[in-house]
C-alpha atoms as a PDB file:
ATOM      1  CA  UNK A   1     119.924 -21.245-101.450  1.00  0.00           C
ATOM      2  CA  UNK A   2     122.336 -19.466-103.793  1.00  0.00           C
ATOM      3  CA  UNK A   3     121.126 -15.924-104.452  1.00  0.00           C
ATOM      4  CA  UNK A   4     119.747 -13.681-101.748  1.00  0.00           C
ATOM      5  CA  UNK A   5     115.968 -14.024-101.429  1.00  0.00           C
ATOM      6  CA  UNK A   6     113.579 -11.403-102.744  1.00  0.00           C
ATOM      7  CA  UNK A   7     111.342  -9.730-100.154  1.00  0.00           C
ATOM      8  CA  UNK A   8     108.030  -7.866-100.150  1.00  0.00           C
ATOM      9  CA  UNK A   9     107.014  -4.696 -98.362  1.00  0.00           C
ATOM     10  CA  UNK A  10     103.401  -3.949 -97.393  1.00  0.00           C
ATOM     11  CA  UNK A  11     101.529  -1.296 -95.441  1.00  0.00           C
ATOM     12  CA  UNK A  12     100.016  -2.655 -92.244  1.00  0.00           C
ATOM     13  CA  UNK A  13      96.536  -1.206 -92.790  1.00  0.00           C
ATOM     14  CA  UNK A  14      94.701  -1.330 -89.468  1.00  0.00           C
ATOM     15  CA  UNK A  15      97.860  -2.419 -87.633  1.00  0.00           C
ATOM     16  CA  UNK A  16      98.439   0.034 -84.754  1.00  0.00           C
ATOM     17  CA  UNK A  17     102.007  -1.053 -83.898  1.00  0.00           C
ATOM     18  CA  UNK A  18     104.517  -3.903 -83.960  1.00  0.00           C
ATOM     19  CA  UNK A  19     103.203  -5.121 -80.578  1.00  0.00           C
ATOM     20  CA  UNK A  20      99.866  -5.903 -82.259  1.00  0.00           C
ATOM     21  CA  UNK A  21     101.643  -8.063 -84.859  1.00  0.00           C
ATOM     22  CA  UNK A  22     103.592  -9.839 -82.113  1.00  0.00           C
ATOM     23  CA  UNK A  23     100.401 -10.492 -80.127  1.00  0.00           C
ATOM     24  CA  UNK A  24      98.756 -11.888 -83.277  1.00  0.00           C
ATOM     25  CA  UNK A  25     101.771 -14.144 -83.896  1.00  0.00           C
ATOM     26  CA  UNK A  26     101.732 -15.340 -80.261  1.00  0.00           C
ATOM     27  CA  UNK A  27      98.273 -16.848 -80.830  1.00  0.00           C
ATOM     28  CA  UNK A  28     100.053 -19.435 -82.967  1.00  0.00           C
ATOM     29  CA  UNK A  29      99.629 -20.632 -86.489  1.00  0.00           C
ATOM     30  CA  UNK A  30     100.514 -18.778 -89.641  1.00  0.00           C
ATOM     31  CA  UNK A  31      99.070 -15.391 -90.566  1.00  0.00           C
ATOM     32  CA  UNK A  32      97.388 -15.191 -93.978  1.00  0.00           C
ATOM     33  CA  UNK A  33      97.510 -11.794 -95.677  1.00  0.00           C
ATOM     34  CA  UNK A  34      95.070 -11.145 -98.524  1.00  0.00           C
ATOM     35  CA  UNK A  35      95.953  -8.918-101.457  1.00  0.00           C
ATOM     36  CA  UNK A  36      94.646  -8.400-104.968  1.00  0.00           C
ATOM     37  CA  UNK A  37      97.756  -8.946-107.063  1.00  0.00           C
ATOM     38  CA  UNK A  38      99.906 -12.083-106.976  1.00  0.00           C
ATOM     39  CA  UNK A  39     103.629 -11.356-107.296  1.00  0.00           C
ATOM     40  CA  UNK A  40     104.986 -12.593-110.630  1.00  0.00           C
ATOM     41  CA  UNK A  41     108.246 -13.332-108.801  1.00  0.00           C
ATOM     42  CA  UNK A  42     106.520 -15.398-106.080  1.00  0.00           C
ATOM     43  CA  UNK A  43     108.991 -18.335-106.297  1.00  0.00           C
ATOM     44  CA  UNK A  44     111.868 -15.965-105.462  1.00  0.00           C
ATOM     45  CA  UNK A  45     109.983 -14.672-102.418  1.00  0.00           C
ATOM     46  CA  UNK A  46     109.009 -18.168-101.258  1.00  0.00           C
ATOM     47  CA  UNK A  47     112.703 -19.158-101.383  1.00  0.00           C
ATOM     48  CA  UNK A  48     113.575 -17.496 -98.060  1.00  0.00           C
ATOM     49  CA  UNK A  49     111.972 -14.059 -98.469  1.00  0.00           C
ATOM     50  CA  UNK A  50     110.054 -12.051 -95.887  1.00  0.00           C
ATOM     51  CA  UNK A  51     107.208  -9.573 -95.842  1.00  0.00           C
ATOM     52  CA  UNK A  52     108.385  -6.290 -94.308  1.00  0.00           C
ATOM     53  CA  UNK A  53     105.636  -4.379 -92.496  1.00  0.00           C
ATOM     54  CA  UNK A  54     105.235  -0.595 -92.750  1.00  0.00           C
ATOM     55  CA  UNK A  55     103.306   0.714 -89.739  1.00  0.00           C
ATOM     56  CA  UNK A  56     102.528   4.440 -89.454  1.00  0.00           C
ATOM     57  CA  UNK A  57     105.096   5.345 -92.104  1.00  0.00           C
ATOM     58  CA  UNK A  58     107.955   3.233 -90.729  1.00  0.00           C
ATOM     59  CA  UNK A  59     109.255  -0.250 -91.554  1.00  0.00           C
ATOM     60  CA  UNK A  60     109.135  -1.924 -88.132  1.00  0.00           C
ATOM     61  CA  UNK A  61     109.457  -5.683 -88.628  1.00  0.00           C
ATOM     62  CA  UNK A  62     109.361  -8.609 -91.001  1.00  0.00           C
ATOM     63  CA  UNK A  63     107.763 -12.044 -91.141  1.00  0.00           C
ATOM     64  CA  UNK A  64     109.106 -14.928 -93.251  1.00  0.00           C
ATOM     65  CA  UNK A  65     106.886 -15.848 -96.223  1.00  0.00           C
ATOM     66  CA  UNK A  66     105.849 -19.512 -96.213  1.00  0.00           C
ATOM     67  CA  UNK A  67     103.556 -19.654 -99.244  1.00  0.00           C
ATOM     68  CA  UNK A  68     101.938 -17.496-101.942  1.00  0.00           C
ATOM     69  CA  UNK A  69      98.749 -18.775-103.580  1.00  0.00           C
ATOM     70  CA  UNK A  70      96.453 -17.291-106.235  1.00  0.00           C
ATOM     71  CA  UNK A  71      92.730 -17.911-105.746  1.00  0.00           C
ATOM     72  CA  UNK A  72      90.244 -17.500-108.583  1.00  0.00           C
ATOM     73  CA  UNK A  73      90.897 -16.342-112.124  1.00  0.00           C
ATOM     74  CA  UNK A  74      90.918 -13.127-114.132  1.00  0.00           C
ATOM     75  CA  UNK A  75      89.523  -9.981-112.540  1.00  0.00           C
ATOM     76  CA  UNK A  76      88.177 -12.009-109.610  1.00  0.00           C
ATOM     77  CA  UNK A  77      91.562 -13.453-108.658  1.00  0.00           C
ATOM     78  CA  UNK A  78      93.071 -12.762-105.256  1.00  0.00           C
ATOM     79  CA  UNK A  79      96.340 -13.642-103.579  1.00  0.00           C
ATOM     80  CA  UNK A  80      96.935 -15.206-100.169  1.00  0.00           C
ATOM     81  CA  UNK A  81     100.371 -14.771 -98.607  1.00  0.00           C
ATOM     82  CA  UNK A  82     101.009 -17.118 -95.687  1.00  0.00           C
ATOM     83  CA  UNK A  83     103.488 -15.763 -93.148  1.00  0.00           C
ATOM     84  CA  UNK A  84     105.412 -17.607 -90.451  1.00  0.00           C
ATOM     85  CA  UNK A  85     104.174 -16.852 -86.921  1.00  0.00           C
ATOM     86  CA  UNK A  86     107.448 -15.196 -85.884  1.00  0.00           C
ATOM     87  CA  UNK A  87     107.777 -11.403 -86.001  1.00  0.00           C
ATOM     88  CA  UNK A  88     111.352 -10.159 -86.391  1.00  0.00           C
ATOM     89  CA  UNK A  89     111.830  -6.516 -85.429  1.00  0.00           C
ATOM     90  CA  UNK A  90     113.968  -4.462 -87.812  1.00  0.00           C
ATOM     91  CA  UNK A  91     115.814  -1.175 -87.564  1.00  0.00           C
ATOM     92  CA  UNK A  92     113.101   1.476 -88.079  1.00  0.00           C
ATOM     93  CA  UNK A  93     113.191   2.984 -91.570  1.00  0.00           C
ATOM     94  CA  UNK A  94     110.824   5.699 -92.835  1.00  0.00           C
ATOM     95  CA  UNK A  95     108.738   4.745 -95.868  1.00  0.00           C
ATOM     96  CA  UNK A  96     106.264   6.815 -97.880  1.00  0.00           C
ATOM     97  CA  UNK A  97     102.735   5.425 -98.270  1.00  0.00           C
ATOM     98  CA  UNK A  98     101.918   3.253-101.291  1.00  0.00           C
ATOM     99  CA  UNK A  99      99.087   0.963-102.343  1.00  0.00           C
ATOM    100  CA  UNK A 100      99.200  -2.807-102.180  1.00  0.00           C
ATOM    101  CA  UNK A 101     102.671  -4.274-101.843  1.00  0.00           C
ATOM    102  CA  UNK A 102     106.055  -3.773-103.489  1.00  0.00           C
ATOM    103  CA  UNK A 103     109.096  -5.917-104.084  1.00  0.00           C
ATOM    104  CA  UNK A 104     111.831  -5.200-101.540  1.00  0.00           C
ATOM    105  CA  UNK A 105     115.280  -6.061-102.846  1.00  0.00           C
ATOM    106  CA  UNK A 106     117.793  -7.687-100.460  1.00  0.00           C
ATOM    107  CA  UNK A 107     120.129  -4.675-100.764  1.00  0.00           C
ATOM    108  CA  UNK A 108     117.347  -2.473 -99.341  1.00  0.00           C
ATOM    109  CA  UNK A 109     116.301  -4.844 -96.552  1.00  0.00           C
END
């Protein structure tokens, strides 16, 4: 892996805290996150990137991205992001609300 991987950042809608994510991960198996838009830069994310979770306005943790798949076509298409079952806590960082997901550059991670 030459260049630093590209990451994603997403609001944890319905996620009360990082403990909830850790409890979900402890059940085993990957977590599949559903979103409307597939990242155009998916291969860069799949090459070692993580999804950083924003919970209650703060980045609290990340999970490595295992796979990104587009289901369906056109306006009906959806994206599934498969995350590794490990939750890695991060230094808390405030983040304003946004819709969907955003790219999260390595320099910001």
